[in-house]
mmCIF file of all heavy atoms, coordinates in Angstrom:
data_MODEL
# 
_entry.id   MODEL 
# 
loop_
_atom_site.group_PDB 
_atom_site.id 
_atom_site.type_symbol 
_atom_site.label_atom_id 
_atom_site.label_alt_id 
_atom_site.label_comp_id 
_atom_site.label_asym_id 
_atom_site.label_entity_id 
_atom_site.label_seq_id 
_atom_site.pdbx_PDB_ins_code 
_atom_site.Cartn_x 
_atom_site.Cartn_y 
_atom_site.Cartn_z 
_atom_site.occupancy 
_atom_site.B_iso_or_equiv 
_atom_site.pdbx_formal_charge 
_atom_site.auth_seq_id 
_atom_site.auth_comp_id 
_atom_site.auth_asym_id 
_atom_site.auth_atom_id 
_atom_site.pdbx_PDB_model_num 
ATOM 1   N N   . ASN A 1 1  ? -9.281  4.272   -0.624  1.00 0.00 ? 1  ASN A N   1 
ATOM 2   C CA  . ASN A 1 1  ? -8.529  5.446   -0.166  1.00 0.00 ? 1  ASN A CA  1 
ATOM 3   C C   . ASN A 1 1  ? -8.748  6.617   -1.115  1.00 0.00 ? 1  ASN A C   1 
ATOM 4   O O   . ASN A 1 1  ? -9.169  6.438   -2.264  1.00 0.00 ? 1  ASN A O   1 
ATOM 5   C CB  . ASN A 1 1  ? -7.038  5.125   -0.075  1.00 0.00 ? 1  ASN A CB  1 
ATOM 6   C CG  . ASN A 1 1  ? -6.729  4.163   1.044   1.00 0.00 ? 1  ASN A CG  1 
ATOM 7   O OD1 . ASN A 1 1  ? -7.407  4.113   2.053   1.00 0.00 ? 1  ASN A OD1 1 
ATOM 8   N ND2 . ASN A 1 1  ? -5.694  3.371   0.856   1.00 0.00 ? 1  ASN A ND2 1 
ATOM 9   N N   . ASN A 1 2  ? -8.427  7.808   -0.642  1.00 0.00 ? 2  ASN A N   1 
ATOM 10  C CA  . ASN A 1 2  ? -8.539  9.009   -1.471  1.00 0.00 ? 2  ASN A CA  1 
ATOM 11  C C   . ASN A 1 2  ? -7.271  9.222   -2.285  1.00 0.00 ? 2  ASN A C   1 
ATOM 12  O O   . ASN A 1 2  ? -6.183  8.828   -1.877  1.00 0.00 ? 2  ASN A O   1 
ATOM 13  C CB  . ASN A 1 2  ? -8.785  10.238  -0.600  1.00 0.00 ? 2  ASN A CB  1 
ATOM 14  C CG  . ASN A 1 2  ? -10.147 10.216  0.044   1.00 0.00 ? 2  ASN A CG  1 
ATOM 15  O OD1 . ASN A 1 2  ? -11.046 9.499   -0.392  1.00 0.00 ? 2  ASN A OD1 1 
ATOM 16  N ND2 . ASN A 1 2  ? -10.321 10.994  1.083   1.00 0.00 ? 2  ASN A ND2 1 
ATOM 17  N N   . ASN A 1 3  ? -7.438  9.894   -3.434  1.00 0.00 ? 3  ASN A N   1 
ATOM 18  C CA  . ASN A 1 3  ? -6.286  10.275  -4.248  1.00 0.00 ? 3  ASN A CA  1 
ATOM 19  C C   . ASN A 1 3  ? -5.706  11.581  -3.706  1.00 0.00 ? 3  ASN A C   1 
ATOM 20  O O   . ASN A 1 3  ? -6.163  12.107  -2.689  1.00 0.00 ? 3  ASN A O   1 
ATOM 21  C CB  . ASN A 1 3  ? -6.665  10.375  -5.725  1.00 0.00 ? 3  ASN A CB  1 
ATOM 22  C CG  . ASN A 1 3  ? -7.742  11.413  -5.985  1.00 0.00 ? 3  ASN A CG  1 
ATOM 23  O OD1 . ASN A 1 3  ? -7.955  12.338  -5.205  1.00 0.00 ? 3  ASN A OD1 1 
ATOM 24  N ND2 . ASN A 1 3  ? -8.434  11.270  -7.094  1.00 0.00 ? 3  ASN A ND2 1 
ATOM 25  N N   . ILE A 1 4  ? -4.723  12.122  -4.396  1.00 0.00 ? 4  ILE A N   1 
ATOM 26  C CA  . ILE A 1 4  ? -4.034  13.330  -3.933  1.00 0.00 ? 4  ILE A CA  1 
ATOM 27  C C   . ILE A 1 4  ? -4.969  14.541  -3.900  1.00 0.00 ? 4  ILE A C   1 
ATOM 28  O O   . ILE A 1 4  ? -4.762  15.486  -3.136  1.00 0.00 ? 4  ILE A O   1 
ATOM 29  C CB  . ILE A 1 4  ? -2.774  13.596  -4.792  1.00 0.00 ? 4  ILE A CB  1 
ATOM 30  C CG1 . ILE A 1 4  ? -1.851  14.569  -4.091  1.00 0.00 ? 4  ILE A CG1 1 
ATOM 31  C CG2 . ILE A 1 4  ? -3.149  14.064  -6.179  1.00 0.00 ? 4  ILE A CG2 1 
ATOM 32  C CD1 . ILE A 1 4  ? -0.467  14.638  -4.669  1.00 0.00 ? 4  ILE A CD1 1 
ATOM 33  N N   . GLN A 1 5  ? -6.046  14.505  -4.693  1.00 0.00 ? 5  GLN A N   1 
ATOM 34  C CA  . GLN A 1 5  ? -7.021  15.593  -4.691  1.00 0.00 ? 5  GLN A CA  1 
ATOM 35  C C   . GLN A 1 5  ? -8.067  15.429  -3.582  1.00 0.00 ? 5  GLN A C   1 
ATOM 36  O O   . GLN A 1 5  ? -8.972  16.235  -3.451  1.00 0.00 ? 5  GLN A O   1 
ATOM 37  C CB  . GLN A 1 5  ? -7.750  15.680  -6.047  1.00 0.00 ? 5  GLN A CB  1 
ATOM 38  C CG  . GLN A 1 5  ? -6.887  16.161  -7.194  1.00 0.00 ? 5  GLN A CG  1 
ATOM 39  C CD  . GLN A 1 5  ? -6.039  15.049  -7.793  1.00 0.00 ? 5  GLN A CD  1 
ATOM 40  O OE1 . GLN A 1 5  ? -6.318  13.869  -7.632  1.00 0.00 ? 5  GLN A OE1 1 
ATOM 41  N NE2 . GLN A 1 5  ? -4.983  15.433  -8.487  1.00 0.00 ? 5  GLN A NE2 1 
ATOM 42  N N   . GLY A 1 6  ? -7.965  14.337  -2.809  1.00 0.00 ? 6  GLY A N   1 
ATOM 43  C CA  . GLY A 1 6  ? -8.898  14.099  -1.718  1.00 0.00 ? 6  GLY A CA  1 
ATOM 44  C C   . GLY A 1 6  ? -10.188 13.409  -2.127  1.00 0.00 ? 6  GLY A C   1 
ATOM 45  O O   . GLY A 1 6  ? -11.134 13.332  -1.353  1.00 0.00 ? 6  GLY A O   1 
ATOM 46  N N   . GLU A 1 7  ? -10.223 12.875  -3.349  1.00 0.00 ? 7  GLU A N   1 
ATOM 47  C CA  . GLU A 1 7  ? -11.410 12.184  -3.854  1.00 0.00 ? 7  GLU A CA  1 
ATOM 48  C C   . GLU A 1 7  ? -11.198 10.674  -3.784  1.00 0.00 ? 7  GLU A C   1 
ATOM 49  O O   . GLU A 1 7  ? -10.078 10.187  -3.969  1.00 0.00 ? 7  GLU A O   1 
ATOM 50  C CB  . GLU A 1 7  ? -11.673 12.593  -5.303  1.00 0.00 ? 7  GLU A CB  1 
ATOM 51  C CG  . GLU A 1 7  ? -11.876 14.086  -5.473  1.00 0.00 ? 7  GLU A CG  1 
ATOM 52  C CD  . GLU A 1 7  ? -11.772 14.524  -6.925  1.00 0.00 ? 7  GLU A CD  1 
ATOM 53  O OE1 . GLU A 1 7  ? -11.312 13.726  -7.773  1.00 0.00 ? 7  GLU A OE1 1 
ATOM 54  O OE2 . GLU A 1 7  ? -12.129 15.674  -7.204  1.00 0.00 ? 7  GLU A OE2 1 
ATOM 55  N N   . PRO A 1 8  ? -12.260 9.898   -3.521  1.00 0.00 ? 8  PRO A N   1 
ATOM 56  C CA  . PRO A 1 8  ? -12.131 8.435   -3.498  1.00 0.00 ? 8  PRO A CA  1 
ATOM 57  C C   . PRO A 1 8  ? -11.581 7.906   -4.822  1.00 0.00 ? 8  PRO A C   1 
ATOM 58  O O   . PRO A 1 8  ? -11.999 8.323   -5.893  1.00 0.00 ? 8  PRO A O   1 
ATOM 59  C CB  . PRO A 1 8  ? -13.565 7.945   -3.274  1.00 0.00 ? 8  PRO A CB  1 
ATOM 60  C CG  . PRO A 1 8  ? -14.261 9.094   -2.639  1.00 0.00 ? 8  PRO A CG  1 
ATOM 61  C CD  . PRO A 1 8  ? -13.621 10.330  -3.220  1.00 0.00 ? 8  PRO A CD  1 
ATOM 62  N N   . ASP A 1 9  ? -10.600 7.009   -4.733  1.00 0.00 ? 9  ASP A N   1 
ATOM 63  C CA  . ASP A 1 9  ? -9.962  6.420   -5.921  1.00 0.00 ? 9  ASP A CA  1 
ATOM 64  C C   . ASP A 1 9  ? -10.099 4.906   -5.842  1.00 0.00 ? 9  ASP A C   1 
ATOM 65  O O   . ASP A 1 9  ? -9.420  4.262   -5.043  1.00 0.00 ? 9  ASP A O   1 
ATOM 66  C CB  . ASP A 1 9  ? -8.493  6.819   -5.975  1.00 0.00 ? 9  ASP A CB  1 
ATOM 67  C CG  . ASP A 1 9  ? -7.780  6.314   -7.218  1.00 0.00 ? 9  ASP A CG  1 
ATOM 68  O OD1 . ASP A 1 9  ? -8.330  5.445   -7.930  1.00 0.00 ? 9  ASP A OD1 1 
ATOM 69  O OD2 . ASP A 1 9  ? -6.653  6.782   -7.471  1.00 0.00 ? 9  ASP A OD2 1 
ATOM 70  N N   . PRO A 1 10 ? -10.966 4.311   -6.674  1.00 0.00 ? 10 PRO A N   1 
ATOM 71  C CA  . PRO A 1 10 ? -11.194 2.865   -6.609  1.00 0.00 ? 10 PRO A CA  1 
ATOM 72  C C   . PRO A 1 10 ? -9.956  2.027   -6.935  1.00 0.00 ? 10 PRO A C   1 
ATOM 73  O O   . PRO A 1 10 ? -9.938  0.830   -6.687  1.00 0.00 ? 10 PRO A O   1 
ATOM 74  C CB  . PRO A 1 10 ? -12.307 2.623   -7.629  1.00 0.00 ? 10 PRO A CB  1 
ATOM 75  C CG  . PRO A 1 10 ? -12.291 3.804   -8.521  1.00 0.00 ? 10 PRO A CG  1 
ATOM 76  C CD  . PRO A 1 10 ? -11.766 4.954   -7.708  1.00 0.00 ? 10 PRO A CD  1 
ATOM 77  N N   . ASN A 1 11 ? -8.902  2.655   -7.465  1.00 0.00 ? 11 ASN A N   1 
ATOM 78  C CA  . ASN A 1 11 ? -7.654  1.929   -7.737  1.00 0.00 ? 11 ASN A CA  1 
ATOM 79  C C   . ASN A 1 11 ? -6.703  1.940   -6.546  1.00 0.00 ? 11 ASN A C   1 
ATOM 80  O O   . ASN A 1 11 ? -5.662  1.298   -6.574  1.00 0.00 ? 11 ASN A O   1 
ATOM 81  C CB  . ASN A 1 11 ? -6.944  2.507   -8.960  1.00 0.00 ? 11 ASN A CB  1 
ATOM 82  C CG  . ASN A 1 11 ? -7.710  2.255   -10.230 1.00 0.00 ? 11 ASN A CG  1 
ATOM 83  O OD1 . ASN A 1 11 ? -8.236  1.156   -10.434 1.00 0.00 ? 11 ASN A OD1 1 
ATOM 84  N ND2 . ASN A 1 11 ? -7.817  3.249   -11.070 1.00 0.00 ? 11 ASN A ND2 1 
ATOM 85  N N   . GLU A 1 12 ? -7.044  2.695   -5.501  1.00 0.00 ? 12 GLU A N   1 
ATOM 86  C CA  . GLU A 1 12 ? -6.219  2.770   -4.292  1.00 0.00 ? 12 GLU A CA  1 
ATOM 87  C C   . GLU A 1 12 ? -7.005  2.162   -3.131  1.00 0.00 ? 12 GLU A C   1 
ATOM 88  O O   . GLU A 1 12 ? -7.768  2.849   -2.459  1.00 0.00 ? 12 GLU A O   1 
ATOM 89  C CB  . GLU A 1 12 ? -5.823  4.212   -3.982  1.00 0.00 ? 12 GLU A CB  1 
ATOM 90  C CG  . GLU A 1 12 ? -4.816  4.795   -4.945  1.00 0.00 ? 12 GLU A CG  1 
ATOM 91  C CD  . GLU A 1 12 ? -3.446  4.143   -4.839  1.00 0.00 ? 12 GLU A CD  1 
ATOM 92  O OE1 . GLU A 1 12 ? -3.084  3.643   -3.752  1.00 0.00 ? 12 GLU A OE1 1 
ATOM 93  O OE2 . GLU A 1 12 ? -2.734  4.129   -5.842  1.00 0.00 ? 12 GLU A OE2 1 
ATOM 94  N N   . ILE A 1 13 ? -6.825  0.874   -2.913  1.00 0.00 ? 13 ILE A N   1 
ATOM 95  C CA  . ILE A 1 13 ? -7.578  0.153   -1.890  1.00 0.00 ? 13 ILE A CA  1 
ATOM 96  C C   . ILE A 1 13 ? -6.687  -0.094  -0.687  1.00 0.00 ? 13 ILE A C   1 
ATOM 97  O O   . ILE A 1 13 ? -5.572  -0.587  -0.822  1.00 0.00 ? 13 ILE A O   1 
ATOM 98  C CB  . ILE A 1 13 ? -8.115  -1.178  -2.455  1.00 0.00 ? 13 ILE A CB  1 
ATOM 99  C CG1 . ILE A 1 13 ? -9.052  -0.882  -3.622  1.00 0.00 ? 13 ILE A CG1 1 
ATOM 100 C CG2 . ILE A 1 13 ? -8.824  -1.979  -1.371  1.00 0.00 ? 13 ILE A CG2 1 
ATOM 101 C CD1 . ILE A 1 13 ? -9.510  -2.095  -4.374  1.00 0.00 ? 13 ILE A CD1 1 
ATOM 102 N N   . GLY A 1 14 ? -7.169  0.272   0.485   1.00 0.00 ? 14 GLY A N   1 
ATOM 103 C CA  . GLY A 1 14 ? -6.449  0.039   1.728   1.00 0.00 ? 14 GLY A CA  1 
ATOM 104 C C   . GLY A 1 14 ? -7.083  -1.114  2.479   1.00 0.00 ? 14 GLY A C   1 
ATOM 105 O O   . GLY A 1 14 ? -8.110  -1.656  2.073   1.00 0.00 ? 14 GLY A O   1 
ATOM 106 N N   . GLY A 1 15 ? -6.483  -1.489  3.577   1.00 0.00 ? 15 GLY A N   1 
ATOM 107 C CA  . GLY A 1 15 ? -7.019  -2.570  4.396   1.00 0.00 ? 15 GLY A CA  1 
ATOM 108 C C   . GLY A 1 15 ? -6.383  -2.588  5.766   1.00 0.00 ? 15 GLY A C   1 
ATOM 109 O O   . GLY A 1 15 ? -5.439  -1.841  6.042   1.00 0.00 ? 15 GLY A O   1 
ATOM 110 N N   . SER A 1 16 ? -6.918  -3.455  6.622   1.00 0.00 ? 16 SER A N   1 
ATOM 111 C CA  . SER A 1 16 ? -6.423  -3.531  7.994   1.00 0.00 ? 16 SER A CA  1 
ATOM 112 C C   . SER A 1 16 ? -5.267  -4.508  8.149   1.00 0.00 ? 16 SER A C   1 
ATOM 113 O O   . SER A 1 16 ? -4.398  -4.316  8.993   1.00 0.00 ? 16 SER A O   1 
ATOM 114 C CB  . SER A 1 16 ? -7.550  -3.916  8.941   1.00 0.00 ? 16 SER A CB  1 
ATOM 115 O OG  . SER A 1 16 ? -8.119  -5.153  8.557   1.00 0.00 ? 16 SER A OG  1 
ATOM 116 N N   . LYS A 1 17 ? -5.246  -5.582  7.342   1.00 0.00 ? 17 LYS A N   1 
ATOM 117 C CA  . LYS A 1 17 ? -4.135  -6.538  7.429   1.00 0.00 ? 17 LYS A CA  1 
ATOM 118 C C   . LYS A 1 17 ? -4.086  -7.399  6.167   1.00 0.00 ? 17 LYS A C   1 
ATOM 119 O O   . LYS A 1 17 ? -5.037  -7.466  5.407   1.00 0.00 ? 17 LYS A O   1 
ATOM 120 C CB  . LYS A 1 17 ? -4.267  -7.423  8.660   1.00 0.00 ? 17 LYS A CB  1 
ATOM 121 C CG  . LYS A 1 17 ? -5.400  -8.416  8.599   1.00 0.00 ? 17 LYS A CG  1 
ATOM 122 C CD  . LYS A 1 17 ? -5.389  -9.305  9.836   1.00 0.00 ? 17 LYS A CD  1 
ATOM 123 C CE  . LYS A 1 17 ? -6.489  -10.351 9.745   1.00 0.00 ? 17 LYS A CE  1 
ATOM 124 N NZ  . LYS A 1 17 ? -6.442  -11.285 10.861  1.00 0.00 ? 17 LYS A NZ  1 
ATOM 125 N N   . ILE A 1 18 ? -2.947  -8.046  5.992   1.00 0.00 ? 18 ILE A N   1 
ATOM 126 C CA  . ILE A 1 18 ? -2.734  -8.995  4.896   1.00 0.00 ? 18 ILE A CA  1 
ATOM 127 C C   . ILE A 1 18 ? -2.411  -10.345 5.508   1.00 0.00 ? 18 ILE A C   1 
ATOM 128 O O   . ILE A 1 18 ? -1.556  -10.443 6.396   1.00 0.00 ? 18 ILE A O   1 
ATOM 129 C CB  . ILE A 1 18 ? -1.584  -8.552  3.968   1.00 0.00 ? 18 ILE A CB  1 
ATOM 130 C CG1 . ILE A 1 18 ? -1.968  -7.262  3.230   1.00 0.00 ? 18 ILE A CG1 1 
ATOM 131 C CG2 . ILE A 1 18 ? -1.230  -9.656  2.981   1.00 0.00 ? 18 ILE A CG2 1 
ATOM 132 C CD1 . ILE A 1 18 ? -0.859  -6.698  2.359   1.00 0.00 ? 18 ILE A CD1 1 
ATOM 133 N N   . LYS A 1 19 ? -3.089  -11.379 5.036   1.00 0.00 ? 19 LYS A N   1 
ATOM 134 C CA  . LYS A 1 19 ? -2.822  -12.741 5.505   1.00 0.00 ? 19 LYS A CA  1 
ATOM 135 C C   . LYS A 1 19 ? -2.113  -13.514 4.389   1.00 0.00 ? 19 LYS A C   1 
ATOM 136 O O   . LYS A 1 19 ? -2.467  -13.389 3.221   1.00 0.00 ? 19 LYS A O   1 
ATOM 137 C CB  . LYS A 1 19 ? -4.126  -13.444 5.873   1.00 0.00 ? 19 LYS A CB  1 
ATOM 138 C CG  . LYS A 1 19 ? -3.915  -14.829 6.432   1.00 0.00 ? 19 LYS A CG  1 
ATOM 139 C CD  . LYS A 1 19 ? -5.209  -15.471 6.859   1.00 0.00 ? 19 LYS A CD  1 
ATOM 140 C CE  . LYS A 1 19 ? -4.919  -16.865 7.402   1.00 0.00 ? 19 LYS A CE  1 
ATOM 141 N NZ  . LYS A 1 19 ? -6.144  -17.570 7.746   1.00 0.00 ? 19 LYS A NZ  1 
ATOM 142 N N   . ASP A 1 20 ? -1.110  -14.288 4.760   1.00 0.00 ? 20 ASP A N   1 
ATOM 143 C CA  . ASP A 1 20 ? -0.345  -15.139 3.841   1.00 0.00 ? 20 ASP A CA  1 
ATOM 144 C C   . ASP A 1 20 ? 0.458   -14.358 2.811   1.00 0.00 ? 20 ASP A C   1 
ATOM 145 O O   . ASP A 1 20 ? 0.733   -14.854 1.731   1.00 0.00 ? 20 ASP A O   1 
ATOM 146 C CB  . ASP A 1 20 ? -1.262  -16.149 3.129   1.00 0.00 ? 20 ASP A CB  1 
ATOM 147 C CG  . ASP A 1 20 ? -1.937  -17.094 4.109   1.00 0.00 ? 20 ASP A CG  1 
ATOM 148 O OD1 . ASP A 1 20 ? -1.317  -17.434 5.133   1.00 0.00 ? 20 ASP A OD1 1 
ATOM 149 O OD2 . ASP A 1 20 ? -3.096  -17.482 3.857   1.00 0.00 ? 20 ASP A OD2 1 
ATOM 150 N N   . GLY A 1 21 ? 0.857   -13.129 3.152   1.00 0.00 ? 21 GLY A N   1 
ATOM 151 C CA  . GLY A 1 21 ? 1.715   -12.358 2.256   1.00 0.00 ? 21 GLY A CA  1 
ATOM 152 C C   . GLY A 1 21 ? 3.183   -12.681 2.503   1.00 0.00 ? 21 GLY A C   1 
ATOM 153 O O   . GLY A 1 21 ? 3.545   -13.295 3.504   1.00 0.00 ? 21 GLY A O   1 
ATOM 154 N N   . LYS A 1 22 ? 4.028   -12.260 1.592   1.00 0.00 ? 22 LYS A N   1 
ATOM 155 C CA  . LYS A 1 22 ? 5.472   -12.459 1.705   1.00 0.00 ? 22 LYS A CA  1 
ATOM 156 C C   . LYS A 1 22 ? 6.090   -11.216 2.342   1.00 0.00 ? 22 LYS A C   1 
ATOM 157 O O   . LYS A 1 22 ? 5.825   -10.096 1.917   1.00 0.00 ? 22 LYS A O   1 
ATOM 158 C CB  . LYS A 1 22 ? 6.073   -12.688 0.320   1.00 0.00 ? 22 LYS A CB  1 
ATOM 159 C CG  . LYS A 1 22 ? 7.566   -12.876 0.325   1.00 0.00 ? 22 LYS A CG  1 
ATOM 160 C CD  . LYS A 1 22 ? 8.097   -13.094 -1.073  1.00 0.00 ? 22 LYS A CD  1 
ATOM 161 C CE  . LYS A 1 22 ? 9.611   -13.226 -1.041  1.00 0.00 ? 22 LYS A CE  1 
ATOM 162 N NZ  . LYS A 1 22 ? 10.164  -13.359 -2.390  1.00 0.00 ? 22 LYS A NZ  1 
ATOM 163 N N   . ARG A 1 23 ? 6.914   -11.419 3.364   1.00 0.00 ? 23 ARG A N   1 
ATOM 164 C CA  . ARG A 1 23 ? 7.604   -10.310 4.025   1.00 0.00 ? 23 ARG A CA  1 
ATOM 165 C C   . ARG A 1 23 ? 8.911   -10.010 3.296   1.00 0.00 ? 23 ARG A C   1 
ATOM 166 O O   . ARG A 1 23 ? 9.694   -10.923 3.025   1.00 0.00 ? 23 ARG A O   1 
ATOM 167 C CB  . ARG A 1 23 ? 7.862   -10.632 5.481   1.00 0.00 ? 23 ARG A CB  1 
ATOM 168 C CG  . ARG A 1 23 ? 6.581   -10.675 6.297   1.00 0.00 ? 23 ARG A CG  1 
ATOM 169 C CD  . ARG A 1 23 ? 6.852   -11.089 7.714   1.00 0.00 ? 23 ARG A CD  1 
ATOM 170 N NE  . ARG A 1 23 ? 7.958   -10.320 8.265   1.00 0.00 ? 23 ARG A NE  1 
ATOM 171 C CZ  . ARG A 1 23 ? 7.932   -9.670  9.420   1.00 0.00 ? 23 ARG A CZ  1 
ATOM 172 N NH1 . ARG A 1 23 ? 6.866   -9.711  10.156  1.00 0.00 ? 23 ARG A NH1 1 
ATOM 173 N NH2 . ARG A 1 23 ? 8.976   -9.002  9.846   1.00 0.00 ? 23 ARG A NH2 1 
ATOM 174 N N   . ILE A 1 24 ? 9.126   -8.737  3.025   1.00 0.00 ? 24 ILE A N   1 
ATOM 175 C CA  . ILE A 1 24 ? 10.328  -8.292  2.327   1.00 0.00 ? 24 ILE A CA  1 
ATOM 176 C C   . ILE A 1 24 ? 10.948  -7.156  3.123   1.00 0.00 ? 24 ILE A C   1 
ATOM 177 O O   . ILE A 1 24 ? 10.307  -6.130  3.364   1.00 0.00 ? 24 ILE A O   1 
ATOM 178 C CB  . ILE A 1 24 ? 9.993   -7.818  0.899   1.00 0.00 ? 24 ILE A CB  1 
ATOM 179 C CG1 . ILE A 1 24 ? 9.366   -8.955  0.098   1.00 0.00 ? 24 ILE A CG1 1 
ATOM 180 C CG2 . ILE A 1 24 ? 11.241  -7.272  0.206   1.00 0.00 ? 24 ILE A CG2 1 
ATOM 181 C CD1 . ILE A 1 24 ? 8.699   -8.527  -1.176  1.00 0.00 ? 24 ILE A CD1 1 
ATOM 182 N N   . ALA A 1 25 ? 12.197  -7.340  3.548   1.00 0.00 ? 25 ALA A N   1 
ATOM 183 C CA  . ALA A 1 25 ? 12.919  -6.307  4.293   1.00 0.00 ? 25 ALA A CA  1 
ATOM 184 C C   . ALA A 1 25 ? 13.687  -5.432  3.312   1.00 0.00 ? 25 ALA A C   1 
ATOM 185 O O   . ALA A 1 25 ? 14.365  -5.937  2.418   1.00 0.00 ? 25 ALA A O   1 
ATOM 186 C CB  . ALA A 1 25 ? 13.868  -6.941  5.297   1.00 0.00 ? 25 ALA A CB  1 
ATOM 187 N N   . MET A 1 26 ? 13.556  -4.131  3.475   1.00 0.00 ? 26 MET A N   1 
ATOM 188 C CA  . MET A 1 26 ? 14.295  -3.190  2.634   1.00 0.00 ? 26 MET A CA  1 
ATOM 189 C C   . MET A 1 26 ? 15.211  -2.339  3.499   1.00 0.00 ? 26 MET A C   1 
ATOM 190 O O   . MET A 1 26 ? 14.869  -1.991  4.631   1.00 0.00 ? 26 MET A O   1 
ATOM 191 C CB  . MET A 1 26 ? 13.328  -2.262  1.885   1.00 0.00 ? 26 MET A CB  1 
ATOM 192 C CG  . MET A 1 26 ? 12.495  -2.944  0.830   1.00 0.00 ? 26 MET A CG  1 
ATOM 193 S SD  . MET A 1 26 ? 11.428  -1.745  -0.032  1.00 0.00 ? 26 MET A SD  1 
ATOM 194 C CE  . MET A 1 26 ? 12.652  -0.823  -0.988  1.00 0.00 ? 26 MET A CE  1 
ATOM 195 N N   . LYS A 1 27 ? 16.356  -1.996  2.931   1.00 0.00 ? 27 LYS A N   1 
ATOM 196 C CA  . LYS A 1 27 ? 17.298  -1.085  3.574   1.00 0.00 ? 27 LYS A CA  1 
ATOM 197 C C   . LYS A 1 27 ? 17.728  -0.053  2.536   1.00 0.00 ? 27 LYS A C   1 
ATOM 198 O O   . LYS A 1 27 ? 17.368  -0.169  1.359   1.00 0.00 ? 27 LYS A O   1 
ATOM 199 C CB  . LYS A 1 27 ? 18.495  -1.857  4.123   1.00 0.00 ? 27 LYS A CB  1 
ATOM 200 C CG  . LYS A 1 27 ? 19.303  -2.555  3.061   1.00 0.00 ? 27 LYS A CG  1 
ATOM 201 C CD  . LYS A 1 27 ? 20.394  -3.396  3.675   1.00 0.00 ? 27 LYS A CD  1 
ATOM 202 C CE  . LYS A 1 27 ? 21.254  -4.085  2.643   1.00 0.00 ? 27 LYS A CE  1 
ATOM 203 N NZ  . LYS A 1 27 ? 20.615  -4.676  1.497   1.00 0.00 ? 27 LYS A NZ  1 
ATOM 204 N N   . ALA A 1 28 ? 18.472  0.928   2.957   1.00 0.00 ? 28 ALA A N   1 
ATOM 205 C CA  . ALA A 1 28 ? 18.907  1.995   2.056   1.00 0.00 ? 28 ALA A CA  1 
ATOM 206 C C   . ALA A 1 28 ? 19.533  1.420   0.788   1.00 0.00 ? 28 ALA A C   1 
ATOM 207 O O   . ALA A 1 28 ? 20.372  0.519   0.854   1.00 0.00 ? 28 ALA A O   1 
ATOM 208 C CB  . ALA A 1 28 ? 19.893  2.911   2.767   1.00 0.00 ? 28 ALA A CB  1 
ATOM 209 N N   . GLY A 1 29 ? 19.072  1.905   -0.357  1.00 0.00 ? 29 GLY A N   1 
ATOM 210 C CA  . GLY A 1 29 ? 19.584  1.470   -1.656  1.00 0.00 ? 29 GLY A CA  1 
ATOM 211 C C   . GLY A 1 29 ? 18.738  0.409   -2.334  1.00 0.00 ? 29 GLY A C   1 
ATOM 212 O O   . GLY A 1 29 ? 18.888  0.171   -3.525  1.00 0.00 ? 29 GLY A O   1 
ATOM 213 N N   . ASP A 1 30 ? 17.841  -0.243  -1.592  1.00 0.00 ? 30 ASP A N   1 
ATOM 214 C CA  . ASP A 1 30 ? 17.003  -1.308  -2.163  1.00 0.00 ? 30 ASP A CA  1 
ATOM 215 C C   . ASP A 1 30 ? 15.827  -0.739  -2.959  1.00 0.00 ? 30 ASP A C   1 
ATOM 216 O O   . ASP A 1 30 ? 15.300  0.324   -2.627  1.00 0.00 ? 30 ASP A O   1 
ATOM 217 C CB  . ASP A 1 30 ? 16.444  -2.217  -1.066  1.00 0.00 ? 30 ASP A CB  1 
ATOM 218 C CG  . ASP A 1 30 ? 17.501  -3.087  -0.420  1.00 0.00 ? 30 ASP A CG  1 
ATOM 219 O OD1 . ASP A 1 30 ? 18.620  -3.194  -0.963  1.00 0.00 ? 30 ASP A OD1 1 
ATOM 220 O OD2 . ASP A 1 30 ? 17.199  -3.664  0.644   1.00 0.00 ? 30 ASP A OD2 1 
ATOM 221 N N   . TRP A 1 31 ? 15.431  -1.496  -3.992  1.00 0.00 ? 31 TRP A N   1 
ATOM 222 C CA  . TRP A 1 31 ? 14.258  -1.190  -4.812  1.00 0.00 ? 31 TRP A CA  1 
ATOM 223 C C   . TRP A 1 31 ? 13.256  -2.331  -4.665  1.00 0.00 ? 31 TRP A C   1 
ATOM 224 O O   . TRP A 1 31 ? 13.648  -3.478  -4.494  1.00 0.00 ? 31 TRP A O   1 
ATOM 225 C CB  . TRP A 1 31 ? 14.635  -1.077  -6.278  1.00 0.00 ? 31 TRP A CB  1 
ATOM 226 C CG  . TRP A 1 31 ? 15.445  0.126   -6.635  1.00 0.00 ? 31 TRP A CG  1 
ATOM 227 C CD1 . TRP A 1 31 ? 16.813  0.242   -6.585  1.00 0.00 ? 31 TRP A CD1 1 
ATOM 228 C CD2 . TRP A 1 31 ? 14.960  1.379   -7.089  1.00 0.00 ? 31 TRP A CD2 1 
ATOM 229 N NE1 . TRP A 1 31 ? 17.196  1.493   -6.979  1.00 0.00 ? 31 TRP A NE1 1 
ATOM 230 C CE2 . TRP A 1 31 ? 16.066  2.216   -7.311  1.00 0.00 ? 31 TRP A CE2 1 
ATOM 231 C CE3 . TRP A 1 31 ? 13.682  1.882   -7.346  1.00 0.00 ? 31 TRP A CE3 1 
ATOM 232 C CZ2 . TRP A 1 31 ? 15.944  3.520   -7.764  1.00 0.00 ? 31 TRP A CZ2 1 
ATOM 233 C CZ3 . TRP A 1 31 ? 13.565  3.185   -7.808  1.00 0.00 ? 31 TRP A CZ3 1 
ATOM 234 C CH2 . TRP A 1 31 ? 14.689  3.988   -8.005  1.00 0.00 ? 31 TRP A CH2 1 
# 
């Protein structure tokens, strides 16, 4: 993905899906 300046950032990796991840529900006030 690109950084805020619009340049590719190798530390910001995107993807289409995650397999075997843990689902976490957040609501107002949660960190």
